[in-house]
């Protein structure tokens, strides 16, 4: 594998240092993708609250800006995604994909698609990280490619945050006066943001699922080993999806969301105790922190959904 470090003399620990840089850049790209998702969803929900006189309290809560907390969120999520191993990240991606398909199929029964966008934050970060790890495996100048991807992702996340800040500050004034092109565009086409997010997420998770299956299967030396892993995994994930669907029908709110996170990670922990490695157990706890961090940070948006 060629990377930025391949151009430098071989020194003790140098390869380890460049490998650490690569995983940090992968985590940064994933964190920026989550930031873009949250910013666009904030824009959509704020516009919905502006058009509804009964949701003025929610509008004020969404408009509360904490730029330093947003930067802290990206930095913490970058560290979490860099620490999570590829196996556990791949399992998180596959679990969410199964849960998303089940939720989409039950939309006619009262499920909320807007909430699903927020619930996929950590899974999206893992998916982007898995996809980059798979697509750039063995690529010449891997570190340069990741640095370019991180730069583009950071630029996109910055513009998305600026858009959300602009909308939360000036949308009401500009939409009435109709002299701001951005606000006029959102006034006319803001309802299409969920469709844009749905298409982008569908493409991202399609690539991430393929990458996740490949990353998991490459650790098996025979078909028997793969069957012994995938069989309990499929049963565990199916039971988790059924449980979460029943839980969402019986109650709603942030409490049930946090409870399902604990159940999901608990199920993954028990599964990996039998078919995983000790490093996977550690990565499950890191993933739990990442899930809770994303959900706690977006509590206002969850309530608005």
C-alpha atoms as a PDB file:
ATOM      1  CA  UNK A   1       0.000   0.000   0.000  1.00  0.00           C
ATOM      2  CA  UNK A   2       1.374   3.403  -1.017  1.00  0.00           C
ATOM      3  CA  UNK A   3       0.573   6.511   0.976  1.00  0.00           C
ATOM      4  CA  UNK A   4       2.099   9.815   1.913  1.00  0.00           C
ATOM      5  CA  UNK A   5       4.553   8.007   4.157  1.00  0.00           C
ATOM      6  CA  UNK A   6       5.831   5.843   1.291  1.00  0.00           C
ATOM      7  CA  UNK A   7       7.769   8.827  -0.063  1.00  0.00           C
ATOM      8  CA  UNK A   8       9.746   9.217   3.175  1.00  0.00           C
ATOM      9  CA  UNK A   9      12.664   7.141   4.513  1.00  0.00           C
ATOM     10  CA  UNK A  10      11.729   4.052   6.548  1.00  0.00           C
ATOM     11  CA  UNK A  11      11.936   5.016  10.219  1.00  0.00           C
ATOM     12  CA  UNK A  12      10.690   3.145  13.321  1.00  0.00           C
ATOM     13  CA  UNK A  13       7.048   4.019  13.986  1.00  0.00           C
ATOM     14  CA  UNK A  14       6.648   6.075  10.808  1.00  0.00           C
ATOM     15  CA  UNK A  15       4.247   3.595   9.177  1.00  0.00           C
ATOM     16  CA  UNK A  16       2.163   3.532  12.361  1.00  0.00           C
ATOM     17  CA  UNK A  17       2.009   7.331  12.339  1.00  0.00           C
ATOM     18  CA  UNK A  18       0.750   7.521   8.770  1.00  0.00           C
ATOM     19  CA  UNK A  19      -1.808   4.770   9.478  1.00  0.00           C
ATOM     20  CA  UNK A  20      -3.083   6.880  12.394  1.00  0.00           C
ATOM     21  CA  UNK A  21      -3.307   9.897  10.104  1.00  0.00           C
ATOM     22  CA  UNK A  22      -5.338   7.870   7.604  1.00  0.00           C
ATOM     23  CA  UNK A  23      -7.921   6.753  10.159  1.00  0.00           C
ATOM     24  CA  UNK A  24      -8.205  10.296  11.528  1.00  0.00           C
ATOM     25  CA  UNK A  25      -8.872  11.633   8.032  1.00  0.00           C
ATOM     26  CA  UNK A  26     -11.477   8.912   7.462  1.00  0.00           C
ATOM     27  CA  UNK A  27     -13.147   9.860  10.731  1.00  0.00           C
ATOM     28  CA  UNK A  28     -13.088  13.527   9.788  1.00  0.00           C
ATOM     29  CA  UNK A  29     -14.847  12.842   6.476  1.00  0.00           C
ATOM     30  CA  UNK A  30     -17.512  10.831   8.304  1.00  0.00           C
ATOM     31  CA  UNK A  31     -17.996  13.548  10.931  1.00  0.00           C
ATOM     32  CA  UNK A  32     -18.361  16.200   8.224  1.00  0.00           C
ATOM     33  CA  UNK A  33     -21.001  14.073   6.491  1.00  0.00           C
ATOM     34  CA  UNK A  34     -22.968  13.952   9.759  1.00  0.00           C
ATOM     35  CA  UNK A  35     -22.582  17.718  10.148  1.00  0.00           C
ATOM     36  CA  UNK A  36     -23.987  18.327   6.657  1.00  0.00           C
ATOM     37  CA  UNK A  37     -26.948  16.050   7.400  1.00  0.00           C
ATOM     38  CA  UNK A  38     -27.770  17.862  10.657  1.00  0.00           C
ATOM     39  CA  UNK A  39     -27.411  21.316   9.092  1.00  0.00           C
ATOM     40  CA  UNK A  40     -29.747  20.549   6.192  1.00  0.00           C
ATOM     41  CA  UNK A  41     -32.270  18.916   8.497  1.00  0.00           C
ATOM     42  CA  UNK A  42     -32.117  21.960  10.784  1.00  0.00           C
ATOM     43  CA  UNK A  43     -32.892  24.188   7.794  1.00  0.00           C
ATOM     44  CA  UNK A  44     -35.879  22.041   6.824  1.00  0.00           C
ATOM     45  CA  UNK A  45     -37.326  21.830  10.343  1.00  0.00           C
ATOM     46  CA  UNK A  46     -36.846  25.558  10.945  1.00  0.00           C
ATOM     47  CA  UNK A  47     -38.756  26.402   7.759  1.00  0.00           C
ATOM     48  CA  UNK A  48     -41.549  24.041   8.824  1.00  0.00           C
ATOM     49  CA  UNK A  49     -41.758  25.743  12.225  1.00  0.00           C
ATOM     50  CA  UNK A  50     -41.843  29.219  10.653  1.00  0.00           C
ATOM     51  CA  UNK A  51     -44.849  28.209   8.570  1.00  0.00           C
ATOM     52  CA  UNK A  52     -46.684  26.821  11.621  1.00  0.00           C
ATOM     53  CA  UNK A  53     -47.771  29.401  14.274  1.00  0.00           C
ATOM     54  CA  UNK A  54     -48.162  26.637  16.871  1.00  0.00           C
ATOM     55  CA  UNK A  55     -44.466  25.693  16.692  1.00  0.00           C
ATOM     56  CA  UNK A  56     -42.863  29.012  17.583  1.00  0.00           C
ATOM     57  CA  UNK A  57     -41.259  27.592  20.723  1.00  0.00           C
ATOM     58  CA  UNK A  58     -39.617  24.843  18.675  1.00  0.00           C
ATOM     59  CA  UNK A  59     -38.458  27.444  16.161  1.00  0.00           C
ATOM     60  CA  UNK A  60     -36.715  29.433  18.885  1.00  0.00           C
ATOM     61  CA  UNK A  61     -35.042  26.287  20.230  1.00  0.00           C
ATOM     62  CA  UNK A  62     -33.783  25.258  16.785  1.00  0.00           C
ATOM     63  CA  UNK A  63     -32.475  28.767  16.100  1.00  0.00           C
ATOM     64  CA  UNK A  64     -30.300  28.759  19.231  1.00  0.00           C
ATOM     65  CA  UNK A  65     -26.777  28.766  17.811  1.00  0.00           C
ATOM     66  CA  UNK A  66     -23.712  27.358  19.574  1.00  0.00           C
ATOM     67  CA  UNK A  67     -20.865  27.471  17.024  1.00  0.00           C
ATOM     68  CA  UNK A  68     -18.283  26.163  19.491  1.00  0.00           C
ATOM     69  CA  UNK A  69     -20.479  23.188  20.384  1.00  0.00           C
ATOM     70  CA  UNK A  70     -20.900  22.365  16.705  1.00  0.00           C
ATOM     71  CA  UNK A  71     -17.120  22.391  16.257  1.00  0.00           C
ATOM     72  CA  UNK A  72     -16.728  20.257  19.392  1.00  0.00           C
ATOM     73  CA  UNK A  73     -19.274  17.802  18.026  1.00  0.00           C
ATOM     74  CA  UNK A  74     -17.273  17.349  14.815  1.00  0.00           C
ATOM     75  CA  UNK A  75     -13.991  16.896  16.705  1.00  0.00           C
ATOM     76  CA  UNK A  76     -15.394  14.363  19.179  1.00  0.00           C
ATOM     77  CA  UNK A  77     -17.141  12.400  16.437  1.00  0.00           C
ATOM     78  CA  UNK A  78     -13.912  12.383  14.402  1.00  0.00           C
ATOM     79  CA  UNK A  79     -12.092  10.813  17.340  1.00  0.00           C
ATOM     80  CA  UNK A  80     -14.834   8.236  17.926  1.00  0.00           C
ATOM     81  CA  UNK A  81     -14.950   7.188  14.262  1.00  0.00           C
ATOM     82  CA  UNK A  82     -11.155   6.929  14.199  1.00  0.00           C
ATOM     83  CA  UNK A  83     -11.172   4.645  17.255  1.00  0.00           C
ATOM     84  CA  UNK A  84     -13.911   2.292  16.047  1.00  0.00           C
ATOM     85  CA  UNK A  85     -12.554  -0.730  14.233  1.00  0.00           C
ATOM     86  CA  UNK A  86     -13.652  -1.627  10.743  1.00  0.00           C
ATOM     87  CA  UNK A  87     -15.520  -4.770  11.875  1.00  0.00           C
ATOM     88  CA  UNK A  88     -17.736  -3.022  14.405  1.00  0.00           C
ATOM     89  CA  UNK A  89     -18.287  -0.063  12.071  1.00  0.00           C
ATOM     90  CA  UNK A  90     -19.368  -2.501   9.351  1.00  0.00           C
ATOM     91  CA  UNK A  91     -21.787  -4.225  11.754  1.00  0.00           C
ATOM     92  CA  UNK A  92     -23.284  -0.858  12.753  1.00  0.00           C
ATOM     93  CA  UNK A  93     -23.834  -0.001   9.085  1.00  0.00           C
ATOM     94  CA  UNK A  94     -25.525  -3.324   8.322  1.00  0.00           C
ATOM     95  CA  UNK A  95     -27.748  -3.078  11.405  1.00  0.00           C
ATOM     96  CA  UNK A  96     -28.946   0.394  10.489  1.00  0.00           C
ATOM     97  CA  UNK A  97     -29.572  -0.590   6.871  1.00  0.00           C
ATOM     98  CA  UNK A  98     -31.819  -3.436   7.998  1.00  0.00           C
ATOM     99  CA  UNK A  99     -33.587  -1.136  10.446  1.00  0.00           C
ATOM    100  CA  UNK A 100     -34.032   1.562   7.802  1.00  0.00           C
ATOM    101  CA  UNK A 101     -35.583  -0.863   5.320  1.00  0.00           C
ATOM    102  CA  UNK A 102     -37.975  -2.103   8.009  1.00  0.00           C
ATOM    103  CA  UNK A 103     -38.922   1.475   8.957  1.00  0.00           C
ATOM    104  CA  UNK A 104     -39.485   2.543   5.351  1.00  0.00           C
ATOM    105  CA  UNK A 105     -41.739  -0.474   4.770  1.00  0.00           C
ATOM    106  CA  UNK A 106     -43.783   0.488   7.835  1.00  0.00           C
ATOM    107  CA  UNK A 107     -44.127   4.198   6.987  1.00  0.00           C
ATOM    108  CA  UNK A 108     -47.770   3.643   6.194  1.00  0.00           C
ATOM    109  CA  UNK A 109     -48.255   2.465   9.786  1.00  0.00           C
ATOM    110  CA  UNK A 110     -47.201   5.759  11.326  1.00  0.00           C
ATOM    111  CA  UNK A 111     -43.392   5.712  11.375  1.00  0.00           C
ATOM    112  CA  UNK A 112     -41.613   9.067  10.991  1.00  0.00           C
ATOM    113  CA  UNK A 113     -39.066   9.336   8.184  1.00  0.00           C
ATOM    114  CA  UNK A 114     -37.672  12.664   9.435  1.00  0.00           C
ATOM    115  CA  UNK A 115     -36.659  11.033  12.693  1.00  0.00           C
ATOM    116  CA  UNK A 116     -34.871   8.295  10.773  1.00  0.00           C
ATOM    117  CA  UNK A 117     -32.517  10.906   9.301  1.00  0.00           C
ATOM    118  CA  UNK A 118     -31.388  11.857  12.799  1.00  0.00           C
ATOM    119  CA  UNK A 119     -31.139   8.275  14.017  1.00  0.00           C
ATOM    120  CA  UNK A 120     -28.695   7.457  11.207  1.00  0.00           C
ATOM    121  CA  UNK A 121     -26.057  10.032  12.225  1.00  0.00           C
ATOM    122  CA  UNK A 122     -23.524   7.688  13.770  1.00  0.00           C
ATOM    123  CA  UNK A 123     -24.294   4.935  11.250  1.00  0.00           C
ATOM    124  CA  UNK A 124     -23.693   7.447   8.451  1.00  0.00           C
ATOM    125  CA  UNK A 125     -20.287   8.301   9.877  1.00  0.00           C
ATOM    126  CA  UNK A 126     -19.414   4.596  10.111  1.00  0.00           C
ATOM    127  CA  UNK A 127     -20.695   4.046   6.574  1.00  0.00           C
ATOM    128  CA  UNK A 128     -18.560   6.801   5.095  1.00  0.00           C
ATOM    129  CA  UNK A 129     -15.523   5.526   6.993  1.00  0.00           C
ATOM    130  CA  UNK A 130     -16.114   1.935   5.809  1.00  0.00           C
ATOM    131  CA  UNK A 131     -16.671   3.073   2.245  1.00  0.00           C
ATOM    132  CA  UNK A 132     -13.437   5.057   2.167  1.00  0.00           C
ATOM    133  CA  UNK A 133     -11.494   2.213   3.769  1.00  0.00           C
ATOM    134  CA  UNK A 134     -12.762  -0.214   1.130  1.00  0.00           C
ATOM    135  CA  UNK A 135     -12.508   2.048  -1.928  1.00  0.00           C
ATOM    136  CA  UNK A 136      -9.014   3.327  -1.105  1.00  0.00           C
ATOM    137  CA  UNK A 137      -7.558   0.013   0.046  1.00  0.00           C
ATOM    138  CA  UNK A 138      -4.274  -0.431  -1.771  1.00  0.00           C
ATOM    139  CA  UNK A 139      -4.676   2.840  -3.661  1.00  0.00           C
ATOM    140  CA  UNK A 140      -1.513   4.775  -4.601  1.00  0.00           C
ATOM    141  CA  UNK A 141      -1.066   7.858  -2.409  1.00  0.00           C
ATOM    142  CA  UNK A 142      -3.933   6.859  -0.108  1.00  0.00           C
ATOM    143  CA  UNK A 143      -3.148   9.607   2.408  1.00  0.00           C
ATOM    144  CA  UNK A 144      -3.272  12.307  -0.263  1.00  0.00           C
ATOM    145  CA  UNK A 145      -6.655  11.024  -1.426  1.00  0.00           C
ATOM    146  CA  UNK A 146      -7.993  11.053   2.114  1.00  0.00           C
ATOM    147  CA  UNK A 147      -6.621  14.549   2.710  1.00  0.00           C
ATOM    148  CA  UNK A 148      -8.405  15.789  -0.415  1.00  0.00           C
ATOM    149  CA  UNK A 149     -11.631  14.075   0.641  1.00  0.00           C
ATOM    150  CA  UNK A 150     -11.371  15.588   4.124  1.00  0.00           C
ATOM    151  CA  UNK A 151     -10.789  19.056   2.672  1.00  0.00           C
ATOM    152  CA  UNK A 152     -13.806  18.830   0.378  1.00  0.00           C
ATOM    153  CA  UNK A 153     -15.989  17.390   3.149  1.00  0.00           C
ATOM    154  CA  UNK A 154     -14.919  20.124   5.557  1.00  0.00           C
ATOM    155  CA  UNK A 155     -15.692  22.814   2.982  1.00  0.00           C
ATOM    156  CA  UNK A 156     -19.130  21.326   2.352  1.00  0.00           C
ATOM    157  CA  UNK A 157     -19.848  21.065   6.091  1.00  0.00           C
ATOM    158  CA  UNK A 158     -18.775  24.683   6.605  1.00  0.00           C
ATOM    159  CA  UNK A 159     -21.116  25.962   3.896  1.00  0.00           C
ATOM    160  CA  UNK A 160     -23.977  23.823   5.253  1.00  0.00           C
ATOM    161  CA  UNK A 161     -23.477  25.307   8.735  1.00  0.00           C
ATOM    162  CA  UNK A 162     -23.392  28.815   7.269  1.00  0.00           C
ATOM    163  CA  UNK A 163     -26.646  28.092   5.437  1.00  0.00           C
ATOM    164  CA  UNK A 164     -28.298  26.879   8.643  1.00  0.00           C
ATOM    165  CA  UNK A 165     -27.059  29.943  10.532  1.00  0.00           C
ATOM    166  CA  UNK A 166     -28.309  32.261   7.786  1.00  0.00           C
ATOM    167  CA  UNK A 167     -31.731  30.615   7.703  1.00  0.00           C
ATOM    168  CA  UNK A 168     -32.169  30.621  11.470  1.00  0.00           C
ATOM    169  CA  UNK A 169     -31.217  34.314  11.631  1.00  0.00           C
ATOM    170  CA  UNK A 170     -32.671  35.950   8.524  1.00  0.00           C
ATOM    171  CA  UNK A 171     -35.074  33.564   6.782  1.00  0.00           C
ATOM    172  CA  UNK A 172     -38.269  35.160   8.106  1.00  0.00           C
ATOM    173  CA  UNK A 173     -37.160  38.663   7.086  1.00  0.00           C
ATOM    174  CA  UNK A 174     -35.752  37.656   3.697  1.00  0.00           C
ATOM    175  CA  UNK A 175     -38.673  35.408   2.749  1.00  0.00           C
ATOM    176  CA  UNK A 176     -41.091  38.299   3.318  1.00  0.00           C
ATOM    177  CA  UNK A 177     -38.936  40.934   1.608  1.00  0.00           C
ATOM    178  CA  UNK A 178     -37.948  38.504  -1.194  1.00  0.00           C
ATOM    179  CA  UNK A 179     -34.562  40.029  -1.946  1.00  0.00           C
ATOM    180  CA  UNK A 180     -32.314  37.131  -0.835  1.00  0.00           C
ATOM    181  CA  UNK A 181     -31.803  34.506  -3.501  1.00  0.00           C
ATOM    182  CA  UNK A 182     -31.012  31.725  -1.021  1.00  0.00           C
ATOM    183  CA  UNK A 183     -34.136  32.332   1.069  1.00  0.00           C
ATOM    184  CA  UNK A 184     -36.326  32.679  -2.032  1.00  0.00           C
ATOM    185  CA  UNK A 185     -34.992  29.329  -3.281  1.00  0.00           C
ATOM    186  CA  UNK A 186     -35.729  27.714   0.078  1.00  0.00           C
ATOM    187  CA  UNK A 187     -39.183  29.292   0.123  1.00  0.00           C
ATOM    188  CA  UNK A 188     -39.945  27.704  -3.238  1.00  0.00           C
ATOM    189  CA  UNK A 189     -38.093  24.383  -2.931  1.00  0.00           C
ATOM    190  CA  UNK A 190     -37.351  23.881   0.773  1.00  0.00           C
ATOM    191  CA  UNK A 191     -39.892  21.049   0.927  1.00  0.00           C
ATOM    192  CA  UNK A 192     -37.575  19.003  -1.303  1.00  0.00           C
ATOM    193  CA  UNK A 193     -34.781  18.761   1.298  1.00  0.00           C
ATOM    194  CA  UNK A 194     -36.004  15.401   2.699  1.00  0.00           C
ATOM    195  CA  UNK A 195     -36.044  13.919  -0.801  1.00  0.00           C
ATOM    196  CA  UNK A 196     -32.501  15.173  -1.393  1.00  0.00           C
ATOM    197  CA  UNK A 197     -31.346  13.641   1.896  1.00  0.00           C
ATOM    198  CA  UNK A 198     -33.135  10.368   1.157  1.00  0.00           C
ATOM    199  CA  UNK A 199     -31.432   9.959  -2.215  1.00  0.00           C
ATOM    200  CA  UNK A 200     -28.004  10.891  -0.850  1.00  0.00           C
ATOM    201  CA  UNK A 201     -28.335   8.534   2.118  1.00  0.00           C
ATOM    202  CA  UNK A 202     -29.603   5.687  -0.068  1.00  0.00           C
ATOM    203  CA  UNK A 203     -26.539   5.966  -2.318  1.00  0.00           C
ATOM    204  CA  UNK A 204     -24.158   6.300   0.639  1.00  0.00           C
ATOM    205  CA  UNK A 205     -25.509   3.275   2.480  1.00  0.00           C
ATOM    206  CA  UNK A 206     -25.641   1.184  -0.699  1.00  0.00           C
ATOM    207  CA  UNK A 207     -21.876   1.652  -1.102  1.00  0.00           C
ATOM    208  CA  UNK A 208     -21.312   1.276   2.643  1.00  0.00           C
ATOM    209  CA  UNK A 209     -23.224  -2.024   2.805  1.00  0.00           C
ATOM    210  CA  UNK A 210     -21.120  -3.537   0.031  1.00  0.00           C
ATOM    211  CA  UNK A 211     -17.967  -2.316   1.741  1.00  0.00           C
ATOM    212  CA  UNK A 212     -19.156  -3.616   5.127  1.00  0.00           C
ATOM    213  CA  UNK A 213     -19.841  -7.129   3.804  1.00  0.00           C
ATOM    214  CA  UNK A 214     -16.429  -7.243   2.132  1.00  0.00           C
ATOM    215  CA  UNK A 215     -14.606  -5.941   5.222  1.00  0.00           C
ATOM    216  CA  UNK A 216     -16.240  -8.596   7.401  1.00  0.00           C
ATOM    217  CA  UNK A 217     -15.808 -11.513   4.984  1.00  0.00           C
ATOM    218  CA  UNK A 218     -12.101 -10.947   4.424  1.00  0.00           C
ATOM    219  CA  UNK A 219     -11.408 -12.117   8.025  1.00  0.00           C
ATOM    220  CA  UNK A 220     -12.783 -15.617   7.325  1.00  0.00           C
ATOM    221  CA  UNK A 221     -10.581 -18.375   5.968  1.00  0.00           C
ATOM    222  CA  UNK A 222     -13.419 -20.718   5.000  1.00  0.00           C
ATOM    223  CA  UNK A 223     -17.133 -20.763   4.219  1.00  0.00           C
ATOM    224  CA  UNK A 224     -17.833 -22.583   7.495  1.00  0.00           C
ATOM    225  CA  UNK A 225     -16.347 -19.747   9.535  1.00  0.00           C
ATOM    226  CA  UNK A 226     -18.438 -17.223   7.613  1.00  0.00           C
ATOM    227  CA  UNK A 227     -21.633 -19.233   8.203  1.00  0.00           C
ATOM    228  CA  UNK A 228     -20.899 -19.497  11.934  1.00  0.00           C
ATOM    229  CA  UNK A 229     -20.618 -15.698  12.064  1.00  0.00           C
ATOM    230  CA  UNK A 230     -23.445 -14.604   9.744  1.00  0.00           C
ATOM    231  CA  UNK A 231     -26.110 -16.989  11.106  1.00  0.00           C
ATOM    232  CA  UNK A 232     -26.236 -15.637  14.698  1.00  0.00           C
ATOM    233  CA  UNK A 233     -25.720 -12.117  13.350  1.00  0.00           C
ATOM    234  CA  UNK A 234     -28.795 -12.377  11.107  1.00  0.00           C
ATOM    235  CA  UNK A 235     -30.928 -13.821  13.904  1.00  0.00           C
ATOM    236  CA  UNK A 236     -29.769 -11.166  16.371  1.00  0.00           C
ATOM    237  CA  UNK A 237     -30.425  -8.273  13.999  1.00  0.00           C
ATOM    238  CA  UNK A 238     -33.833  -9.605  12.993  1.00  0.00           C
ATOM    239  CA  UNK A 239     -34.922  -9.855  16.637  1.00  0.00           C
ATOM    240  CA  UNK A 240     -33.601  -6.355  17.313  1.00  0.00           C
ATOM    241  CA  UNK A 241     -35.539  -4.873  14.403  1.00  0.00           C
ATOM    242  CA  UNK A 242     -38.765  -6.582  15.508  1.00  0.00           C
ATOM    243  CA  UNK A 243     -38.296  -5.347  19.068  1.00  0.00           C
ATOM    244  CA  UNK A 244     -37.600  -1.761  18.003  1.00  0.00           C
ATOM    245  CA  UNK A 245     -40.618  -1.669  15.698  1.00  0.00           C
ATOM    246  CA  UNK A 246     -42.891  -2.779  18.517  1.00  0.00           C
ATOM    247  CA  UNK A 247     -41.257  -0.306  20.913  1.00  0.00           C
ATOM    248  CA  UNK A 248     -41.746   2.612  18.508  1.00  0.00           C
ATOM    249  CA  UNK A 249     -45.442   1.779  18.086  1.00  0.00           C
ATOM    250  CA  UNK A 250     -46.072   1.703  21.823  1.00  0.00           C
ATOM    251  CA  UNK A 251     -44.238   4.909  22.823  1.00  0.00           C
ATOM    252  CA  UNK A 252     -42.404   7.878  21.329  1.00  0.00           C
ATOM    253  CA  UNK A 253     -39.928  10.501  22.490  1.00  0.00           C
ATOM    254  CA  UNK A 254     -36.261  10.776  23.318  1.00  0.00           C
ATOM    255  CA  UNK A 255     -36.488   8.158  26.066  1.00  0.00           C
ATOM    256  CA  UNK A 256     -37.472   5.363  23.725  1.00  0.00           C
ATOM    257  CA  UNK A 257     -34.748   6.393  21.277  1.00  0.00           C
ATOM    258  CA  UNK A 258     -32.051   6.173  23.944  1.00  0.00           C
ATOM    259  CA  UNK A 259     -33.482   2.877  25.187  1.00  0.00           C
ATOM    260  CA  UNK A 260     -33.312   1.328  21.734  1.00  0.00           C
ATOM    261  CA  UNK A 261     -29.695   2.464  21.413  1.00  0.00           C
ATOM    262  CA  UNK A 262     -28.839   0.613  24.624  1.00  0.00           C
ATOM    263  CA  UNK A 263     -30.706  -2.499  23.433  1.00  0.00           C
ATOM    264  CA  UNK A 264     -28.970  -2.444  20.023  1.00  0.00           C
ATOM    265  CA  UNK A 265     -25.496  -2.046  21.450  1.00  0.00           C
ATOM    266  CA  UNK A 266     -26.240  -4.614  24.144  1.00  0.00           C
ATOM    267  CA  UNK A 267     -27.263  -7.125  21.493  1.00  0.00           C
ATOM    268  CA  UNK A 268     -24.140  -6.408  19.466  1.00  0.00           C
ATOM    269  CA  UNK A 269     -22.020  -6.772  22.628  1.00  0.00           C
ATOM    270  CA  UNK A 270     -23.498 -10.197  23.429  1.00  0.00           C
ATOM    271  CA  UNK A 271     -23.083 -11.315  19.823  1.00  0.00           C
ATOM    272  CA  UNK A 272     -19.415 -10.312  19.686  1.00  0.00           C
ATOM    273  CA  UNK A 273     -18.751 -12.016  23.013  1.00  0.00           C
ATOM    274  CA  UNK A 274     -19.375 -15.306  21.228  1.00  0.00           C
ATOM    275  CA  UNK A 275     -18.080 -14.708  17.688  1.00  0.00           C
ATOM    276  CA  UNK A 276     -15.892 -11.595  17.975  1.00  0.00           C
ATOM    277  CA  UNK A 277     -12.516 -10.565  19.307  1.00  0.00           C
ATOM    278  CA  UNK A 278     -11.651  -8.676  22.465  1.00  0.00           C
ATOM    279  CA  UNK A 279     -10.902  -5.523  20.458  1.00  0.00           C
ATOM    280  CA  UNK A 280     -14.428  -5.700  19.025  1.00  0.00           C
ATOM    281  CA  UNK A 281     -15.839  -5.562  22.571  1.00  0.00           C
ATOM    282  CA  UNK A 282     -13.912  -2.349  23.212  1.00  0.00           C
ATOM    283  CA  UNK A 283     -15.122  -0.870  19.933  1.00  0.00           C
ATOM    284  CA  UNK A 284     -18.743  -1.598  20.897  1.00  0.00           C
ATOM    285  CA  UNK A 285     -18.374   0.648  23.940  1.00  0.00           C
ATOM    286  CA  UNK A 286     -16.826   3.341  21.757  1.00  0.00           C
ATOM    287  CA  UNK A 287     -19.771   3.011  19.366  1.00  0.00           C
ATOM    288  CA  UNK A 288     -22.204   3.379  22.253  1.00  0.00           C
ATOM    289  CA  UNK A 289     -20.537   6.664  23.201  1.00  0.00           C
ATOM    290  CA  UNK A 290     -20.728   7.809  19.582  1.00  0.00           C
ATOM    291  CA  UNK A 291     -24.435   6.982  19.300  1.00  0.00           C
ATOM    292  CA  UNK A 292     -25.277   8.742  22.560  1.00  0.00           C
ATOM    293  CA  UNK A 293     -23.177  11.771  21.625  1.00  0.00           C
ATOM    294  CA  UNK A 294     -24.996  12.203  18.312  1.00  0.00           C
ATOM    295  CA  UNK A 295     -28.466  11.765  19.829  1.00  0.00           C
ATOM    296  CA  UNK A 296     -27.894  14.030  22.817  1.00  0.00           C
ATOM    297  CA  UNK A 297     -26.505  16.757  20.606  1.00  0.00           C
ATOM    298  CA  UNK A 298     -29.566  16.643  18.312  1.00  0.00           C
ATOM    299  CA  UNK A 299     -32.189  16.423  21.059  1.00  0.00           C
ATOM    300  CA  UNK A 300     -34.103  19.524  19.924  1.00  0.00           C
ATOM    301  CA  UNK A 301     -34.292  18.263  16.357  1.00  0.00           C
ATOM    302  CA  UNK A 302     -35.521  14.866  17.553  1.00  0.00           C
ATOM    303  CA  UNK A 303     -38.349  16.517  19.462  1.00  0.00           C
ATOM    304  CA  UNK A 304     -39.271  18.609  16.412  1.00  0.00           C
ATOM    305  CA  UNK A 305     -39.514  15.441  14.290  1.00  0.00           C
END
